[in-house]
Every structure is written in C-alpha cells, then in structure tokens.
Amino acid sequence: MKKIDITFDSNVWENIVDTEKLAVHSNAEALTVIRQAVEAGLIACYISDTYVTLETPNSHQRASHFKEITNRVDRTEPIVEARENVARVIFSELRIRQSFNQHPGLDEIKSTALVKALALGFRFINVPRIGWLRLEDDLYKPMEIDEQELAARLAKTNKAVLAFEQKGLGSAHVWEKAKQAIQQNPDLKLYGQFLAFAYGDSKKIPKAVAEWADGDALAAHYGHGHDVFCTLDNGRNAGTKSVLHKDHRQWLKEEFGLNICTPTELAAHISQPA
C-alpha cells in the first residue's frame, strides 16, 4: 500500500508529536487517528522548513532578526593559467552569500517538538531561494536524483510562488513592505529589494513573515506533489489576504489541485476501508 504524502501545518503537527498536547486538544480524536497512522507507517509526513528559517524568531524579534542578515563575500585565490598563443588568463571565483549567524536558534519548546517530529519520521520541504538559509540536507525529503524530475519540481514550486504573489498572497506581503520601505528611504536598496522590508513598519512585519511562510509551505507542497495539506488555519486573522483563507480554496483546488483539509477530515479519510 502506497503511503499518503501529507504536508502538515505547524498548528497540526506540533499537537500530533506531543502526546500531552494531543490528549487535551479539541481535535484529540482525529489527531490520535493520524498519529496512529504515522506510527503504522501509513503516512509520509512533511513540514515546511519555514518553521525554522522564518518563524523561529518570536513575533517581536522578527524585524531585528531580518535586519541583522549580512552579506558575506568569499573569493578564491587567483589562478594564473598560461595558454599557447594567448595572453595569460587569471581565474578567480567570487561568491556573495547571505550570513545567518544572527539566527537565534530554536527555543526549548520548538526544539523539543522538532526532535519528536523527526523521531516519528517527519522531514522538511522548502521553496529553494538563492542565497537563503537551508538546514542540514538529511533533515529534508531526499532530493530527486533524476535532473528532469528535480527541474520539474522546482518549476512547479516557482509557478505556485509567482501565482500567489500575483494575487497579493504569500511572499507578496514581504515584497510590498519592501517596496514601501524603499520609497521612504531609497538607500535601503543596498540591502536588497527583498530584505528591505525589515526596515519598514515593524508592527506589520510579523504578519508579513507569517503570510510568506504559509505561501512557501503551500508552494513547496505543490512542487512535491503531495496528496494532502493538513491545517487548522483558515486565514481568519489575515482575512482574504491569507493564502489559506477559505475564499481561495476553490482557486487553489482548480489551479493547482491542492487538497487542503482539517485533521478531522484527514482522520475520516484515513479511517475509510481500503
């Protein structure tokens, strides 16, 4: 029997992996069914790495966290190569990358939850972004060996990211905050148009990052072609600006074939006879 590939939102998986939380949760019955399926090996479980890369700093720390990301420049030693009938050629490689040394790391609660999740077989998925923070490779779903399959997955992922942004969803919130910040202070272009958002209205940054994280989670899920995205989030706090708002569900289903469900709906599906 093929495992069901499921991407779990943090508001679900944190309660699945922690039996104490599970026992007192309002969806305890459904979460128990899901956990039993995980333990029985019926489900392949995935979570977005934005849990660590974006959402780890507490809400009030996010502005300062992103401001402290710095650019790191590495240059290899020049290599002089002599070629026949050609002037000497000097090779040197210059790499510009972002440094995340300021990342605060997981607090005790998140660290404990993540250790439990990994022990149950959960693995990360992500939206690859050039120069962006990535965790240790063995924490992720194994990368495709076939280059065509890898390229197809990345193309699907990027398609979703761009489609969300065009609707003002997901990372569009961050782009908009960056644009506003640069308009107020053109010198912020030096930080890169994306990270300039951290210099905008600090009160709006936590929500912008949260929406970015939700959009990337759905895009990564779509790129990998997983069967179900399980969440308790219906976008009520952010309204229709949230990619998870109920008003977008039909579009997500028709455009991307995304099956978004609650733990109760997932548990009912799992419990159906094969």
Protein backbone atom coordinates (compact mmCIF):
# COMPACT_ATOMS: atom_id res chain seq x y z
CA MET A 1 0.00 0.00 0.00
CA LYS A 2 1.43 3.38 -1.03
CA LYS A 3 1.91 5.84 1.77
CA ILE A 4 -0.13 9.04 1.74
CA ASP A 5 2.19 12.06 1.36
CA ILE A 6 0.95 14.72 3.76
CA THR A 7 2.29 18.19 4.46
CA PHE A 8 1.35 19.31 7.96
CA ASP A 9 0.95 22.88 9.13
CA SER A 10 2.66 23.58 12.47
CA ASN A 11 -0.73 24.05 14.17
CA VAL A 12 -1.35 20.37 13.46
CA TRP A 13 1.97 18.53 13.61
CA GLU A 14 3.04 20.12 16.91
CA ASN A 15 -0.04 18.53 18.50
CA ILE A 16 0.48 15.17 16.79
CA VAL A 17 4.04 14.70 18.01
CA ASP A 18 3.40 15.84 21.58
CA THR A 19 1.15 13.29 23.29
CA GLU A 20 0.40 15.66 26.18
CA LYS A 21 -0.86 18.36 23.82
CA LEU A 22 -2.71 15.77 21.78
CA ALA A 23 -4.60 14.42 24.80
CA VAL A 24 -6.17 17.78 25.69
CA HIS A 25 -6.66 19.14 22.17
CA SER A 26 -10.19 19.86 20.94
CA ASN A 27 -9.41 17.60 17.94
CA ALA A 28 -7.85 14.89 20.09
CA GLU A 29 -9.80 12.04 18.48
CA ALA A 30 -8.78 12.98 14.95
CA LEU A 31 -5.19 13.72 15.91
CA THR A 32 -4.95 10.33 17.61
CA VAL A 33 -6.11 8.58 14.44
CA ILE A 34 -3.48 10.48 12.45
CA ARG A 35 -0.71 9.70 14.91
CA GLN A 36 -1.59 6.02 14.86
CA ALA A 37 -1.40 6.09 11.07
CA VAL A 38 2.01 7.77 11.28
CA GLU A 39 3.27 5.12 13.72
CA ALA A 40 1.89 2.37 11.48
CA GLY A 41 3.84 3.74 8.54
CA LEU A 42 0.76 4.64 6.50
CA ILE A 43 1.69 8.31 6.17
CA ALA A 44 4.79 10.06 4.90
CA CYS A 45 4.92 13.28 6.92
CA TYR A 46 6.40 16.58 5.80
CA ILE A 47 6.66 20.07 7.26
CA SER A 48 7.86 23.36 5.82
CA ASP A 49 11.33 24.48 6.84
CA THR A 50 9.91 27.98 7.33
CA TYR A 51 9.19 26.73 10.84
CA VAL A 52 12.91 27.28 11.43
CA THR A 53 14.02 29.70 8.73
CA LEU A 54 11.22 32.27 9.05
CA GLU A 55 9.03 31.68 12.06
CA THR A 56 11.59 30.79 14.71
CA PRO A 57 12.20 34.38 15.90
CA ASN A 58 9.30 35.42 18.11
CA SER A 59 6.97 37.97 16.52
CA HIS A 60 8.54 40.93 18.30
CA GLN A 61 12.03 39.82 17.22
CA ARG A 62 11.40 39.38 13.51
CA ALA A 63 12.22 42.91 12.37
CA SER A 64 15.59 42.95 14.14
CA HIS A 65 16.29 39.37 13.04
CA PHE A 66 16.00 40.17 9.34
CA LYS A 67 17.87 43.44 9.71
CA GLU A 68 20.88 41.55 11.02
CA ILE A 69 21.23 39.31 7.98
CA THR A 70 24.51 40.32 6.35
CA ASN A 71 26.18 39.67 3.01
CA ARG A 72 29.30 37.54 3.04
CA VAL A 73 31.82 37.73 0.21
CA ASP A 74 34.20 34.83 -0.47
CA ARG A 75 36.89 34.99 -3.14
CA THR A 76 39.16 32.17 -4.21
CA GLU A 77 42.87 32.72 -4.72
CA PRO A 78 43.66 33.80 -8.29
CA ILE A 79 44.92 31.05 -10.57
CA VAL A 80 47.14 32.06 -13.47
CA GLU A 81 46.90 29.80 -16.47
CA ALA A 82 49.21 30.12 -19.45
CA ARG A 83 47.77 29.17 -22.82
CA GLU A 84 49.51 28.82 -26.15
CA ASN A 85 49.29 31.94 -28.35
CA VAL A 86 47.07 33.60 -25.75
CA ALA A 87 47.85 36.08 -23.03
CA ARG A 88 47.87 34.64 -19.53
CA VAL A 89 44.39 34.04 -18.09
CA ILE A 90 43.64 34.69 -14.43
CA PHE A 91 40.78 32.77 -12.84
CA SER A 92 39.17 33.81 -9.57
CA GLU A 93 35.74 32.97 -8.19
CA LEU A 94 33.71 35.50 -6.23
CA ARG A 95 30.80 34.26 -4.14
CA ILE A 96 28.33 36.56 -2.45
CA ARG A 97 26.05 34.90 0.06
CA GLN A 98 23.94 35.91 3.00
CA SER A 99 25.13 35.16 6.51
CA PHE A 100 22.61 33.93 9.06
CA ASN A 101 24.88 33.91 12.09
CA GLN A 102 22.32 36.08 13.87
CA HIS A 103 19.70 33.31 13.78
CA PRO A 104 18.60 32.78 17.39
CA GLY A 105 18.05 29.04 17.05
CA LEU A 106 15.02 27.17 18.28
CA ASP A 107 13.67 27.84 21.73
CA GLU A 108 13.21 24.88 24.05
CA ILE A 109 9.55 24.31 23.16
CA LYS A 110 10.12 24.33 19.41
CA SER A 111 13.31 22.33 19.69
CA THR A 112 11.57 19.63 21.71
CA ALA A 113 8.67 19.49 19.26
CA LEU A 114 11.01 19.20 16.29
CA VAL A 115 13.07 16.43 17.87
CA LYS A 116 9.87 14.45 18.43
CA ALA A 117 8.71 15.09 14.87
CA LEU A 118 11.99 13.94 13.34
CA ALA A 119 11.91 10.82 15.53
CA LEU A 120 8.48 9.98 14.05
CA GLY A 121 9.88 10.32 10.54
CA PHE A 122 8.81 13.87 9.65
CA ARG A 123 11.02 15.57 7.06
CA PHE A 124 11.30 19.13 5.77
CA ILE A 125 10.35 20.52 2.37
CA ASN A 126 11.01 24.05 1.17
CA VAL A 127 10.95 26.70 -1.52
CA PRO A 128 14.60 26.98 -2.57
CA ARG A 129 15.67 30.62 -2.68
CA ILE A 130 19.10 31.70 -3.93
CA GLY A 131 21.36 32.56 -1.01
CA TRP A 132 18.69 31.76 1.56
CA LEU A 133 19.07 29.75 4.75
CA ARG A 134 18.89 25.97 4.37
CA LEU A 135 19.07 23.32 7.09
CA GLU A 136 21.16 20.15 7.06
CA ASP A 137 20.41 18.07 3.97
CA ASP A 138 19.48 14.92 5.89
CA LEU A 139 16.57 16.77 7.52
CA TYR A 140 14.85 17.22 4.16
CA LYS A 141 12.91 14.93 1.90
CA PRO A 142 15.57 13.32 -0.34
CA MET A 143 16.28 15.34 -3.47
CA GLU A 144 15.39 13.85 -6.83
CA ILE A 145 18.29 12.01 -8.48
CA ASP A 146 16.85 12.49 -11.95
CA GLU A 147 17.65 16.05 -13.08
CA GLN A 148 14.45 16.30 -15.13
CA GLU A 149 12.33 15.37 -12.11
CA LEU A 150 14.21 17.90 -9.99
CA ALA A 151 13.72 20.62 -12.60
CA ALA A 152 10.02 19.78 -12.89
CA ARG A 153 9.54 20.04 -9.12
CA LEU A 154 11.33 23.39 -8.93
CA ALA A 155 9.30 24.70 -11.87
CA LYS A 156 6.06 23.73 -10.15
CA THR A 157 7.20 25.30 -6.90
CA ASN A 158 8.12 28.58 -8.58
CA LYS A 159 4.86 28.58 -10.52
CA ALA A 160 2.90 28.49 -7.27
CA VAL A 161 5.05 31.17 -5.60
CA LEU A 162 4.56 33.55 -8.52
CA ALA A 163 0.84 32.82 -8.79
CA PHE A 164 0.39 33.56 -5.09
CA GLU A 165 2.35 36.79 -5.40
CA GLN A 166 0.25 37.93 -8.36
CA LYS A 167 -2.81 37.59 -6.14
CA GLY A 168 -1.14 39.53 -3.33
CA LEU A 169 -0.65 36.38 -1.26
CA GLY A 170 2.31 34.62 0.36
CA SER A 171 5.63 36.41 -0.14
CA ALA A 172 3.81 39.30 -1.88
CA HIS A 173 3.28 40.71 1.62
CA VAL A 174 7.05 40.99 2.08
CA TRP A 175 7.64 42.46 -1.38
CA GLU A 176 5.02 45.10 -0.68
CA LYS A 177 6.58 46.03 2.66
CA ALA A 178 10.00 46.23 0.99
CA LYS A 179 8.65 48.50 -1.74
CA GLN A 180 7.11 50.81 0.84
CA ALA A 181 10.32 50.92 2.88
CA ILE A 182 12.44 51.76 -0.18
CA GLN A 183 10.03 54.51 -1.21
CA GLN A 184 10.52 56.11 2.20
CA ASN A 185 14.29 55.53 2.17
CA PRO A 186 15.88 54.81 -1.25
CA ASP A 187 19.20 53.91 0.44
CA LEU A 188 17.57 50.65 1.57
CA LYS A 189 18.12 49.29 -1.95
CA LEU A 190 21.62 48.47 -0.72
CA TYR A 191 20.13 45.74 1.45
CA GLY A 192 18.41 44.12 -1.49
CA GLN A 193 14.86 44.75 -2.53
CA PHE A 194 13.59 41.71 -0.67
CA LEU A 195 15.21 42.17 2.75
CA ALA A 196 14.48 45.90 2.76
CA PHE A 197 11.07 45.00 4.19
CA ALA A 198 12.68 44.61 7.63
CA TYR A 199 13.21 48.38 7.72
CA GLY A 200 9.53 49.15 7.23
CA ASP A 201 6.75 49.33 9.80
CA SER A 202 7.95 46.90 12.49
CA LYS A 203 4.39 46.27 13.67
CA LYS A 204 3.42 44.82 10.28
CA ILE A 205 6.49 42.64 9.77
CA PRO A 206 5.41 39.62 11.90
CA LYS A 207 2.20 39.14 9.91
CA ALA A 208 4.00 39.66 6.61
CA VAL A 209 6.50 36.95 7.53
CA ALA A 210 3.71 34.62 8.66
CA GLU A 211 1.95 35.02 5.31
CA TRP A 212 5.26 34.47 3.50
CA ALA A 213 5.70 31.24 5.46
CA ASP A 214 2.19 29.99 4.63
CA GLY A 215 2.67 30.74 0.95
CA ASP A 216 6.02 28.95 0.80
CA ALA A 217 4.61 25.95 2.67
CA LEU A 218 1.81 25.55 0.11
CA ALA A 219 4.15 26.16 -2.83
CA ALA A 220 6.63 23.54 -1.60
CA HIS A 221 3.75 21.12 -1.02
CA TYR A 222 2.53 21.66 -4.57
CA GLY A 223 6.02 21.32 -6.02
CA HIS A 224 6.47 17.93 -4.41
CA GLY A 225 3.01 16.80 -5.48
CA HIS A 226 1.92 15.68 -2.02
CA ASP A 227 -1.58 14.33 -1.52
CA VAL A 228 -2.91 16.45 1.35
CA PHE A 229 -2.08 19.70 3.12
CA CYS A 230 -3.45 19.43 6.66
CA THR A 231 -4.07 22.61 8.64
CA LEU A 232 -6.30 24.21 11.23
CA ASP A 233 -5.68 27.64 9.68
CA ASN A 234 -8.47 29.15 7.62
CA GLY A 235 -6.92 32.59 7.37
CA ARG A 236 -9.36 34.30 9.68
CA ASN A 237 -6.81 36.68 11.22
CA ALA A 238 -5.42 37.96 7.91
CA GLY A 239 -8.73 37.66 6.06
CA THR A 240 -8.65 37.26 2.29
CA LYS A 241 -5.02 38.42 2.27
CA SER A 242 -4.12 34.96 3.60
CA VAL A 243 -3.41 32.22 1.07
CA LEU A 244 -5.19 29.81 3.43
CA HIS A 245 -8.40 31.82 3.61
CA LYS A 246 -11.47 29.81 2.65
CA ASP A 247 -12.21 32.17 -0.24
CA HIS A 248 -9.06 30.93 -2.02
CA ARG A 249 -9.65 27.20 -1.53
CA GLN A 250 -11.61 26.70 -4.74
CA TRP A 251 -8.94 28.53 -6.77
CA LEU A 252 -6.17 26.50 -5.13
CA LYS A 253 -8.06 23.32 -5.97
CA GLU A 254 -8.80 24.22 -9.57
CA GLU A 255 -5.45 25.85 -10.41
CA PHE A 256 -3.10 23.56 -8.50
CA GLY A 257 -5.16 20.55 -7.49
CA LEU A 258 -4.43 21.26 -3.83
CA ASN A 259 -6.35 19.19 -1.33
CA ILE A 260 -6.41 21.21 1.90
CA CYS A 261 -8.15 19.61 4.86
CA THR A 262 -8.55 19.71 8.63
CA PRO A 263 -7.33 16.94 10.96
CA THR A 264 -10.94 15.74 11.29
CA GLU A 265 -11.30 15.43 7.51
CA LEU A 266 -7.93 13.71 7.21
CA ALA A 267 -8.73 11.26 10.00
CA ALA A 268 -12.02 10.37 8.28
CA HIS A 269 -10.13 9.71 5.04
CA ILE A 270 -7.56 7.54 6.81
CA SER A 271 -10.28 5.54 8.56
CA GLN A 272 -12.07 4.63 5.31
CA PRO A 273 -11.74 0.99 4.23
CA ALA A 274 -9.08 0.43 1.61
